[in-house]
All heavy atoms as atom14 arrays in JSON, in Angstrom:
{
  "sequence": "VNQDIWFPQAQIAFSSVIETGVPVIADPTPPSAIECGRLGDLAVAG",
  "atom14_mask": [
    [1, 1, 1, 1, 1, 1, 1, 0, 0, 0, 0, 0, 0, 0],
    [1, 1, 1, 1, 1, 1, 1, 1, 0, 0, 0, 0, 0, 0],
    [1, 1, 1, 1, 1, 1, 1, 1, 1, 0, 0, 0, 0, 0],
    [1, 1, 1, 1, 1, 1, 1, 1, 0, 0, 0, 0, 0, 0],
    [1, 1, 1, 1, 1, 1, 1, 1, 0, 0, 0, 0, 0, 0],
    [1, 1, 1, 1, 1, 1, 1, 1, 1, 1, 1, 1, 1, 1],
    [1, 1, 1, 1, 1, 1, 1, 1, 1, 1, 1, 0, 0, 0],
    [1, 1, 1, 1, 1, 1, 1, 0, 0, 0, 0, 0, 0, 0],
    [1, 1, 1, 1, 1, 1, 1, 1, 1, 0, 0, 0, 0, 0],
    [1, 1, 1, 1, 1, 0, 0, 0, 0, 0, 0, 0, 0, 0],
    [1, 1, 1, 1, 1, 1, 1, 1, 1, 0, 0, 0, 0, 0],
    [1, 1, 1, 1, 1, 1, 1, 1, 0, 0, 0, 0, 0, 0],
    [1, 1, 1, 1, 1, 0, 0, 0, 0, 0, 0, 0, 0, 0],
    [1, 1, 1, 1, 1, 1, 1, 1, 1, 1, 1, 0, 0, 0],
    [1, 1, 1, 1, 1, 1, 0, 0, 0, 0, 0, 0, 0, 0],
    [1, 1, 1, 1, 1, 1, 0, 0, 0, 0, 0, 0, 0, 0],
    [1, 1, 1, 1, 1, 1, 1, 0, 0, 0, 0, 0, 0, 0],
    [1, 1, 1, 1, 1, 1, 1, 1, 0, 0, 0, 0, 0, 0],
    [1, 1, 1, 1, 1, 1, 1, 1, 1, 0, 0, 0, 0, 0],
    [1, 1, 1, 1, 1, 1, 1, 0, 0, 0, 0, 0, 0, 0],
    [1, 1, 1, 1, 0, 0, 0, 0, 0, 0, 0, 0, 0, 0],
    [1, 1, 1, 1, 1, 1, 1, 0, 0, 0, 0, 0, 0, 0],
    [1, 1, 1, 1, 1, 1, 1, 0, 0, 0, 0, 0, 0, 0],
    [1, 1, 1, 1, 1, 1, 1, 0, 0, 0, 0, 0, 0, 0],
    [1, 1, 1, 1, 1, 1, 1, 1, 0, 0, 0, 0, 0, 0],
    [1, 1, 1, 1, 1, 0, 0, 0, 0, 0, 0, 0, 0, 0],
    [1, 1, 1, 1, 1, 1, 1, 1, 0, 0, 0, 0, 0, 0],
    [1, 1, 1, 1, 1, 1, 1, 0, 0, 0, 0, 0, 0, 0],
    [1, 1, 1, 1, 1, 1, 1, 0, 0, 0, 0, 0, 0, 0],
    [1, 1, 1, 1, 1, 1, 1, 0, 0, 0, 0, 0, 0, 0],
    [1, 1, 1, 1, 1, 1, 1, 0, 0, 0, 0, 0, 0, 0],
    [1, 1, 1, 1, 1, 1, 0, 0, 0, 0, 0, 0, 0, 0],
    [1, 1, 1, 1, 1, 0, 0, 0, 0, 0, 0, 0, 0, 0],
    [1, 1, 1, 1, 1, 1, 1, 1, 0, 0, 0, 0, 0, 0],
    [1, 1, 1, 1, 1, 1, 1, 1, 1, 0, 0, 0, 0, 0],
    [1, 1, 1, 1, 1, 1, 0, 0, 0, 0, 0, 0, 0, 0],
    [1, 1, 1, 1, 0, 0, 0, 0, 0, 0, 0, 0, 0, 0],
    [1, 1, 1, 1, 1, 1, 1, 1, 1, 1, 1, 0, 0, 0],
    [1, 1, 1, 1, 1, 1, 1, 1, 0, 0, 0, 0, 0, 0],
    [1, 1, 1, 1, 0, 0, 0, 0, 0, 0, 0, 0, 0, 0],
    [1, 1, 1, 1, 1, 1, 1, 1, 0, 0, 0, 0, 0, 0],
    [1, 1, 1, 1, 1, 1, 1, 1, 0, 0, 0, 0, 0, 0],
    [1, 1, 1, 1, 1, 0, 0, 0, 0, 0, 0, 0, 0, 0],
    [1, 1, 1, 1, 1, 1, 1, 0, 0, 0, 0, 0, 0, 0],
    [1, 1, 1, 1, 1, 0, 0, 0, 0, 0, 0, 0, 0, 0],
    [1, 1, 1, 1, 0, 0, 0, 0, 0, 0, 0, 0, 0, 0]
  ],
  "atom14_positions": [
    [[-37.15, 143.09, 268.44], [-36.11, 144.14, 268.32], [-34.85, 143.61, 268.97], [-33.68, 143.78, 268.46], [-36.57, 145.39, 268.97], [-35.36, 146.29, 269.15], [-37.62, 146.1, 268.11], [0.0, 0.0, 0.0], [0.0, 0.0, 0.0], [0.0, 0.0, 0.0], [0.0, 0.0, 0.0], [0.0, 0.0, 0.0], [0.0, 0.0, 0.0], [0.0, 0.0, 0.0]],
    [[-34.9, 142.99, 270.11], [-33.71, 142.41, 270.79], [-33.19, 141.21, 270.04], [-31.91, 141.16, 269.79], [-34.18, 142.05, 272.28], [-34.46, 143.16, 273.11], [-33.96, 144.29, 272.96], [-35.37, 142.96, 274.09], [0.0, 0.0, 0.0], [0.0, 0.0, 0.0], [0.0, 0.0, 0.0], [0.0, 0.0, 0.0], [0.0, 0.0, 0.0], [0.0, 0.0, 0.0]],
    [[-34.0, 140.26, 269.81], [-33.52, 138.96, 269.17], [-33.0, 139.05, 267.79], [-31.99, 138.47, 267.43], [-34.64, 137.96, 269.2], [-34.96, 137.42, 270.57], [-35.86, 136.15, 270.45], [-35.97, 135.51, 269.33], [-36.67, 135.84, 271.47], [0.0, 0.0, 0.0], [0.0, 0.0, 0.0], [0.0, 0.0, 0.0], [0.0, 0.0, 0.0], [0.0, 0.0, 0.0]],
    [[-33.63, 139.99, 266.97], [-33.3, 140.03, 265.6], [-32.2, 141.06, 265.28], [-31.55, 140.97, 264.29], [-34.5, 140.37, 264.71], [-35.62, 139.21, 264.85], [-35.29, 138.15, 265.37], [-36.72, 139.55, 264.56], [0.0, 0.0, 0.0], [0.0, 0.0, 0.0], [0.0, 0.0, 0.0], [0.0, 0.0, 0.0], [0.0, 0.0, 0.0], [0.0, 0.0, 0.0]],
    [[-32.18, 142.08, 266.09], [-31.27, 143.26, 265.75], [-30.21, 143.63, 266.87], [-28.98, 143.46, 266.58], [-32.11, 144.53, 265.46], [-33.04, 144.19, 264.17], [-31.25, 145.76, 265.08], [-33.92, 145.35, 263.83], [0.0, 0.0, 0.0], [0.0, 0.0, 0.0], [0.0, 0.0, 0.0], [0.0, 0.0, 0.0], [0.0, 0.0, 0.0], [0.0, 0.0, 0.0]],
    [[-30.65, 144.04, 267.97], [-29.67, 144.69, 268.92], [-28.81, 143.67, 269.72], [-27.59, 143.81, 269.79], [-30.43, 145.58, 269.87], [-30.66, 146.91, 269.25], [-31.81, 147.41, 268.67], [-29.69, 147.96, 269.14], [-31.66, 148.67, 268.23], [-30.33, 149.07, 268.51], [-28.36, 148.1, 269.61], [-29.7, 150.3, 268.24], [-27.69, 149.29, 269.36], [-28.36, 150.37, 268.62]],
    [[-29.41, 142.53, 270.06], [-28.65, 141.56, 270.85], [-27.58, 140.86, 270.0], [-26.41, 140.8, 270.37], [-29.56, 140.59, 271.53], [-28.74, 139.51, 272.39], [-27.97, 139.78, 273.4], [-28.72, 138.23, 271.8], [-27.37, 138.86, 274.12], [-27.97, 137.22, 272.42], [-27.27, 137.51, 273.62], [0.0, 0.0, 0.0], [0.0, 0.0, 0.0], [0.0, 0.0, 0.0]],
    [[-27.91, 140.27, 268.85], [-26.91, 139.51, 268.2], [-25.72, 140.29, 267.69], [-24.61, 139.91, 267.44], [-27.71, 138.79, 267.04], [-28.93, 139.63, 266.93], [-29.31, 140.18, 268.32], [0.0, 0.0, 0.0], [0.0, 0.0, 0.0], [0.0, 0.0, 0.0], [0.0, 0.0, 0.0], [0.0, 0.0, 0.0], [0.0, 0.0, 0.0], [0.0, 0.0, 0.0]],
    [[-26.03, 141.67, 267.43], [-24.97, 142.5, 266.94], [-24.18, 143.28, 267.91], [-23.02, 143.47, 267.79], [-25.64, 143.5, 265.88], [-26.25, 142.78, 264.66], [-26.77, 143.73, 263.67], [-26.07, 144.22, 262.82], [-28.1, 144.05, 263.66], [0.0, 0.0, 0.0], [0.0, 0.0, 0.0], [0.0, 0.0, 0.0], [0.0, 0.0, 0.0], [0.0, 0.0, 0.0]],
    [[-24.94, 143.82, 268.89], [-24.32, 144.69, 269.83], [-24.29, 144.23, 271.39], [-23.88, 144.94, 272.19], [-24.95, 146.1, 269.79], [0.0, 0.0, 0.0], [0.0, 0.0, 0.0], [0.0, 0.0, 0.0], [0.0, 0.0, 0.0], [0.0, 0.0, 0.0], [0.0, 0.0, 0.0], [0.0, 0.0, 0.0], [0.0, 0.0, 0.0], [0.0, 0.0, 0.0]],
    [[-24.95, 143.05, 271.52], [-25.08, 142.57, 272.95], [-25.87, 143.58, 273.79], [-25.52, 143.81, 274.98], [-23.75, 142.19, 273.52], [-23.09, 140.98, 272.88], [-23.83, 139.69, 273.23], [-24.47, 139.15, 272.38], [-23.62, 139.18, 274.38], [0.0, 0.0, 0.0], [0.0, 0.0, 0.0], [0.0, 0.0, 0.0], [0.0, 0.0, 0.0], [0.0, 0.0, 0.0]],
    [[-26.8, 144.22, 273.16], [-27.66, 145.19, 273.87], [-29.16, 144.71, 273.75], [-29.53, 144.2, 272.66], [-27.6, 146.55, 273.29], [-26.18, 147.26, 273.56], [-28.61, 147.51, 273.78], [-25.94, 148.54, 272.89], [0.0, 0.0, 0.0], [0.0, 0.0, 0.0], [0.0, 0.0, 0.0], [0.0, 0.0, 0.0], [0.0, 0.0, 0.0], [0.0, 0.0, 0.0]],
    [[-29.9, 144.77, 274.93], [-31.29, 144.43, 274.91], [-32.12, 145.51, 275.68], [-31.54, 146.12, 276.68], [-31.52, 143.04, 275.52], [0.0, 0.0, 0.0], [0.0, 0.0, 0.0], [0.0, 0.0, 0.0], [0.0, 0.0, 0.0], [0.0, 0.0, 0.0], [0.0, 0.0, 0.0], [0.0, 0.0, 0.0], [0.0, 0.0, 0.0], [0.0, 0.0, 0.0]],
    [[-33.27, 145.74, 275.21], [-34.22, 146.73, 275.88], [-35.2, 145.92, 276.67], [-35.87, 145.02, 276.16], [-34.82, 147.6, 274.81], [-33.81, 148.41, 274.08], [-33.25, 147.87, 272.81], [-33.33, 149.67, 274.55], [-32.26, 148.63, 272.14], [-32.4, 150.4, 273.81], [-31.87, 149.93, 272.61], [0.0, 0.0, 0.0], [0.0, 0.0, 0.0], [0.0, 0.0, 0.0]],
    [[-35.18, 146.18, 277.93], [-36.0, 145.39, 278.92], [-37.22, 146.17, 279.39], [-37.33, 147.4, 279.36], [-35.2, 145.02, 280.09], [-34.79, 146.18, 280.85], [0.0, 0.0, 0.0], [0.0, 0.0, 0.0], [0.0, 0.0, 0.0], [0.0, 0.0, 0.0], [0.0, 0.0, 0.0], [0.0, 0.0, 0.0], [0.0, 0.0, 0.0], [0.0, 0.0, 0.0]],
    [[-38.22, 145.44, 279.76], [-39.42, 145.97, 280.34], [-39.71, 145.25, 281.72], [-39.72, 144.13, 281.76], [-40.71, 145.81, 279.42], [-41.89, 146.14, 280.01], [0.0, 0.0, 0.0], [0.0, 0.0, 0.0], [0.0, 0.0, 0.0], [0.0, 0.0, 0.0], [0.0, 0.0, 0.0], [0.0, 0.0, 0.0], [0.0, 0.0, 0.0], [0.0, 0.0, 0.0]],
    [[-40.05, 146.08, 282.68], [-40.2, 145.56, 284.09], [-41.65, 145.07, 284.18], [-42.07, 144.61, 285.27], [-39.9, 146.5, 285.17], [-38.34, 146.85, 285.11], [-40.68, 147.82, 285.02], [0.0, 0.0, 0.0], [0.0, 0.0, 0.0], [0.0, 0.0, 0.0], [0.0, 0.0, 0.0], [0.0, 0.0, 0.0], [0.0, 0.0, 0.0], [0.0, 0.0, 0.0]],
    [[-42.43, 145.25, 283.11], [-43.85, 144.74, 283.24], [-44.07, 143.74, 282.04], [-43.38, 143.84, 280.99], [-44.96, 145.85, 283.13], [-44.92, 146.58, 281.78], [-44.78, 146.8, 284.32], [-46.11, 147.39, 281.59], [0.0, 0.0, 0.0], [0.0, 0.0, 0.0], [0.0, 0.0, 0.0], [0.0, 0.0, 0.0], [0.0, 0.0, 0.0], [0.0, 0.0, 0.0]],
    [[-44.99, 142.79, 282.26], [-45.41, 141.89, 281.12], [-46.78, 142.21, 280.61], [-47.15, 141.86, 279.49], [-45.38, 140.5, 281.67], [-44.03, 140.0, 282.1], [-44.04, 138.52, 282.38], [-44.91, 138.05, 283.13], [-43.12, 137.81, 281.88], [0.0, 0.0, 0.0], [0.0, 0.0, 0.0], [0.0, 0.0, 0.0], [0.0, 0.0, 0.0], [0.0, 0.0, 0.0]],
    [[-47.55, 142.93, 281.38], [-48.87, 143.36, 281.0], [-49.28, 144.59, 281.78], [-48.67, 144.91, 282.8], [-49.9, 142.21, 281.29], [-51.15, 142.59, 280.74], [-50.08, 141.92, 282.79], [0.0, 0.0, 0.0], [0.0, 0.0, 0.0], [0.0, 0.0, 0.0], [0.0, 0.0, 0.0], [0.0, 0.0, 0.0], [0.0, 0.0, 0.0], [0.0, 0.0, 0.0]],
    [[-50.23, 145.36, 281.21], [-50.7, 146.52, 281.83], [-49.96, 147.81, 281.28], [-49.57, 148.74, 282.03], [0.0, 0.0, 0.0], [0.0, 0.0, 0.0], [0.0, 0.0, 0.0], [0.0, 0.0, 0.0], [0.0, 0.0, 0.0], [0.0, 0.0, 0.0], [0.0, 0.0, 0.0], [0.0, 0.0, 0.0], [0.0, 0.0, 0.0], [0.0, 0.0, 0.0]],
    [[-49.94, 147.96, 280.02], [-49.32, 149.1, 279.33], [-50.26, 150.25, 279.48], [-51.46, 150.22, 279.12], [-48.99, 148.76, 277.84], [-48.58, 150.09, 277.16], [-48.09, 147.7, 277.7], [0.0, 0.0, 0.0], [0.0, 0.0, 0.0], [0.0, 0.0, 0.0], [0.0, 0.0, 0.0], [0.0, 0.0, 0.0], [0.0, 0.0, 0.0], [0.0, 0.0, 0.0]],
    [[-49.79, 151.43, 280.02], [-50.72, 152.59, 280.28], [-51.24, 153.19, 278.98], [-50.51, 153.25, 278.01], [-49.81, 153.57, 281.01], [-48.78, 152.73, 281.65], [-48.41, 151.63, 280.57], [0.0, 0.0, 0.0], [0.0, 0.0, 0.0], [0.0, 0.0, 0.0], [0.0, 0.0, 0.0], [0.0, 0.0, 0.0], [0.0, 0.0, 0.0], [0.0, 0.0, 0.0]],
    [[-52.48, 153.59, 278.97], [-53.09, 154.45, 277.95], [-53.01, 155.88, 278.4], [-53.4, 156.21, 279.49], [-54.61, 153.98, 277.7], [-55.22, 154.98, 276.67], [-54.63, 152.6, 277.27], [0.0, 0.0, 0.0], [0.0, 0.0, 0.0], [0.0, 0.0, 0.0], [0.0, 0.0, 0.0], [0.0, 0.0, 0.0], [0.0, 0.0, 0.0], [0.0, 0.0, 0.0]],
    [[-52.5, 156.81, 277.61], [-52.28, 158.12, 277.89], [-53.15, 159.06, 276.99], [-53.52, 158.71, 275.94], [-50.75, 158.62, 277.88], [-50.28, 158.51, 276.45], [-50.04, 157.74, 278.95], [-48.81, 158.99, 276.38], [0.0, 0.0, 0.0], [0.0, 0.0, 0.0], [0.0, 0.0, 0.0], [0.0, 0.0, 0.0], [0.0, 0.0, 0.0], [0.0, 0.0, 0.0]],
    [[-53.34, 160.25, 277.52], [-54.23, 161.25, 276.78], [-53.51, 161.71, 275.58], [-52.24, 161.86, 275.6], [-54.59, 162.37, 277.68], [0.0, 0.0, 0.0], [0.0, 0.0, 0.0], [0.0, 0.0, 0.0], [0.0, 0.0, 0.0], [0.0, 0.0, 0.0], [0.0, 0.0, 0.0], [0.0, 0.0, 0.0], [0.0, 0.0, 0.0], [0.0, 0.0, 0.0]],
    [[-54.26, 162.03, 274.52], [-53.68, 162.63, 273.28], [-53.35, 164.08, 273.65], [-54.29, 164.89, 274.07], [-54.75, 162.61, 272.22], [-54.24, 163.15, 270.83], [-53.24, 163.97, 270.9], [-54.81, 162.85, 269.87], [0.0, 0.0, 0.0], [0.0, 0.0, 0.0], [0.0, 0.0, 0.0], [0.0, 0.0, 0.0], [0.0, 0.0, 0.0], [0.0, 0.0, 0.0]],
    [[-52.09, 164.57, 273.59], [-51.78, 165.85, 274.0], [-52.42, 167.0, 273.2], [-52.53, 168.12, 273.71], [-50.22, 165.94, 273.94], [-49.86, 164.86, 272.93], [-50.9, 163.82, 273.12], [0.0, 0.0, 0.0], [0.0, 0.0, 0.0], [0.0, 0.0, 0.0], [0.0, 0.0, 0.0], [0.0, 0.0, 0.0], [0.0, 0.0, 0.0], [0.0, 0.0, 0.0]],
    [[-52.78, 166.71, 271.94], [-53.48, 167.66, 271.11], [-54.57, 166.94, 270.43], [-54.47, 166.41, 269.36], [-52.6, 168.36, 270.11], [-51.88, 167.31, 269.36], [-51.58, 169.3, 270.73], [0.0, 0.0, 0.0], [0.0, 0.0, 0.0], [0.0, 0.0, 0.0], [0.0, 0.0, 0.0], [0.0, 0.0, 0.0], [0.0, 0.0, 0.0], [0.0, 0.0, 0.0]],
    [[-55.77, 166.87, 271.07], [-56.93, 166.13, 270.5], [-57.36, 166.88, 269.25], [-56.96, 168.0, 268.9], [-58.05, 166.27, 271.55], [-57.62, 167.33, 272.41], [-56.08, 167.42, 272.41], [0.0, 0.0, 0.0], [0.0, 0.0, 0.0], [0.0, 0.0, 0.0], [0.0, 0.0, 0.0], [0.0, 0.0, 0.0], [0.0, 0.0, 0.0], [0.0, 0.0, 0.0]],
    [[-58.2, 166.23, 268.35], [-58.62, 166.76, 267.08], [-59.06, 168.23, 267.05], [-58.9, 168.89, 266.11], [-59.69, 165.8, 266.56], [-59.29, 164.53, 267.3], [-58.85, 164.9, 268.63], [0.0, 0.0, 0.0], [0.0, 0.0, 0.0], [0.0, 0.0, 0.0], [0.0, 0.0, 0.0], [0.0, 0.0, 0.0], [0.0, 0.0, 0.0], [0.0, 0.0, 0.0]],
    [[-59.74, 168.6, 268.23], [-60.23, 169.94, 268.25], [-59.14, 171.02, 268.32], [-59.33, 172.24, 268.01], [-61.22, 170.13, 269.46], [-60.45, 169.82, 270.69], [0.0, 0.0, 0.0], [0.0, 0.0, 0.0], [0.0, 0.0, 0.0], [0.0, 0.0, 0.0], [0.0, 0.0, 0.0], [0.0, 0.0, 0.0], [0.0, 0.0, 0.0], [0.0, 0.0, 0.0]],
    [[-57.99, 170.59, 268.64], [-56.8, 171.48, 268.84], [-55.85, 171.47, 267.63], [-54.92, 172.31, 267.59], [-56.06, 171.17, 270.05], [0.0, 0.0, 0.0], [0.0, 0.0, 0.0], [0.0, 0.0, 0.0], [0.0, 0.0, 0.0], [0.0, 0.0, 0.0], [0.0, 0.0, 0.0], [0.0, 0.0, 0.0], [0.0, 0.0, 0.0], [0.0, 0.0, 0.0]],
    [[-55.98, 170.59, 266.65], [-55.13, 170.61, 265.5], [-55.91, 170.53, 264.22], [-57.11, 170.2, 264.28], [-54.18, 169.34, 265.6], [-54.93, 168.11, 265.72], [-53.15, 169.48, 266.7], [-54.11, 166.78, 265.65], [0.0, 0.0, 0.0], [0.0, 0.0, 0.0], [0.0, 0.0, 0.0], [0.0, 0.0, 0.0], [0.0, 0.0, 0.0], [0.0, 0.0, 0.0]],
    [[-55.32, 170.88, 263.15], [-56.03, 170.97, 261.83], [-56.12, 169.68, 261.08], [-56.82, 169.55, 260.1], [-55.34, 172.02, 261.03], [-55.43, 173.39, 261.58], [-54.82, 174.45, 260.62], [-54.22, 174.02, 259.61], [-54.8, 175.64, 260.96], [0.0, 0.0, 0.0], [0.0, 0.0, 0.0], [0.0, 0.0, 0.0], [0.0, 0.0, 0.0], [0.0, 0.0, 0.0]],
    [[-55.5, 168.62, 261.64], [-55.47, 167.36, 260.85], [-55.54, 166.17, 261.81], [-55.4, 166.39, 263.05], [-54.22, 167.16, 260.08], [-52.71, 167.04, 261.02], [0.0, 0.0, 0.0], [0.0, 0.0, 0.0], [0.0, 0.0, 0.0], [0.0, 0.0, 0.0], [0.0, 0.0, 0.0], [0.0, 0.0, 0.0], [0.0, 0.0, 0.0], [0.0, 0.0, 0.0]],
    [[-55.97, 165.06, 261.3], [-55.93, 163.86, 262.21], [-57.15, 163.62, 262.95], [-58.18, 164.37, 263.0], [0.0, 0.0, 0.0], [0.0, 0.0, 0.0], [0.0, 0.0, 0.0], [0.0, 0.0, 0.0], [0.0, 0.0, 0.0], [0.0, 0.0, 0.0], [0.0, 0.0, 0.0], [0.0, 0.0, 0.0], [0.0, 0.0, 0.0], [0.0, 0.0, 0.0]],
    [[-57.02, 162.51, 263.76], [-58.0, 162.02, 264.6], [-57.45, 161.84, 265.99], [-56.29, 162.1, 266.26], [-58.55, 160.66, 264.2], [-59.23, 160.67, 262.88], [-59.54, 159.32, 262.29], [-59.64, 158.24, 263.25], [-59.72, 156.96, 262.94], [-59.71, 156.6, 261.71], [-59.82, 156.07, 263.88], [0.0, 0.0, 0.0], [0.0, 0.0, 0.0], [0.0, 0.0, 0.0]],
    [[-58.28, 161.47, 267.02], [-57.82, 161.21, 268.31], [-56.72, 160.11, 268.25], [-56.92, 159.14, 267.58], [-58.95, 160.73, 269.16], [-58.63, 160.56, 270.74], [-58.39, 161.94, 271.31], [-59.77, 159.85, 271.38], [0.0, 0.0, 0.0], [0.0, 0.0, 0.0], [0.0, 0.0, 0.0], [0.0, 0.0, 0.0], [0.0, 0.0, 0.0], [0.0, 0.0, 0.0]],
    [[-55.65, 160.38, 268.88], [-54.49, 159.43, 268.89], [-53.43, 159.78, 267.89], [-52.44, 159.1, 267.71], [0.0, 0.0, 0.0], [0.0, 0.0, 0.0], [0.0, 0.0, 0.0], [0.0, 0.0, 0.0], [0.0, 0.0, 0.0], [0.0, 0.0, 0.0], [0.0, 0.0, 0.0], [0.0, 0.0, 0.0], [0.0, 0.0, 0.0], [0.0, 0.0, 0.0]],
    [[-53.61, 160.85, 267.13], [-52.53, 161.28, 266.2], [-51.73, 162.39, 266.81], [-52.28, 163.31, 267.51], [-53.27, 161.93, 264.9], [-53.95, 160.83, 264.11], [-53.85, 159.64, 264.46], [-54.63, 161.27, 263.1], [0.0, 0.0, 0.0], [0.0, 0.0, 0.0], [0.0, 0.0, 0.0], [0.0, 0.0, 0.0], [0.0, 0.0, 0.0], [0.0, 0.0, 0.0]],
    [[-50.41, 162.38, 266.51], [-49.55, 163.34, 266.98], [-49.21, 164.4, 265.83], [-49.08, 163.99, 264.68], [-48.23, 162.73, 267.47], [-48.21, 162.0, 268.75], [-46.87, 161.33, 269.04], [-48.66, 162.91, 269.89], [0.0, 0.0, 0.0], [0.0, 0.0, 0.0], [0.0, 0.0, 0.0], [0.0, 0.0, 0.0], [0.0, 0.0, 0.0], [0.0, 0.0, 0.0]],
    [[-49.12, 165.65, 266.19], [-48.83, 166.71, 265.24], [-47.3, 166.72, 264.88], [-46.52, 166.55, 265.8], [-49.21, 168.06, 265.76], [0.0, 0.0, 0.0], [0.0, 0.0, 0.0], [0.0, 0.0, 0.0], [0.0, 0.0, 0.0], [0.0, 0.0, 0.0], [0.0, 0.0, 0.0], [0.0, 0.0, 0.0], [0.0, 0.0, 0.0], [0.0, 0.0, 0.0]],
    [[-47.04, 166.87, 263.69], [-45.67, 166.83, 263.16], [-45.36, 167.96, 262.25], [-46.21, 168.26, 261.37], [-45.3, 165.56, 262.41], [-43.83, 165.61, 261.83], [-45.43, 164.34, 263.39], [0.0, 0.0, 0.0], [0.0, 0.0, 0.0], [0.0, 0.0, 0.0], [0.0, 0.0, 0.0], [0.0, 0.0, 0.0], [0.0, 0.0, 0.0], [0.0, 0.0, 0.0]],
    [[-44.33, 168.76, 262.39], [-43.95, 169.86, 261.47], [-42.48, 169.51, 260.97], [-41.53, 169.69, 261.69], [-43.91, 171.14, 262.21], [0.0, 0.0, 0.0], [0.0, 0.0, 0.0], [0.0, 0.0, 0.0], [0.0, 0.0, 0.0], [0.0, 0.0, 0.0], [0.0, 0.0, 0.0], [0.0, 0.0, 0.0], [0.0, 0.0, 0.0], [0.0, 0.0, 0.0]],
    [[-42.4, 169.07, 259.7], [-41.21, 168.64, 259.18], [-40.57, 167.52, 259.95], [-41.23, 166.49, 260.13], [0.0, 0.0, 0.0], [0.0, 0.0, 0.0], [0.0, 0.0, 0.0], [0.0, 0.0, 0.0], [0.0, 0.0, 0.0], [0.0, 0.0, 0.0], [0.0, 0.0, 0.0], [0.0, 0.0, 0.0], [0.0, 0.0, 0.0], [0.0, 0.0, 0.0]]
  ]
}
């Protein structure tokens, strides 16, 4: 995203202070709470 789009055109880059260890977070609405999808799906209305 940085190399191909944002940096060469706008001199903007998005940085990450970690190289490994991306957190896994809970699904805010698991399948039992919504009418569609599986675990890991987000509900969308329009």
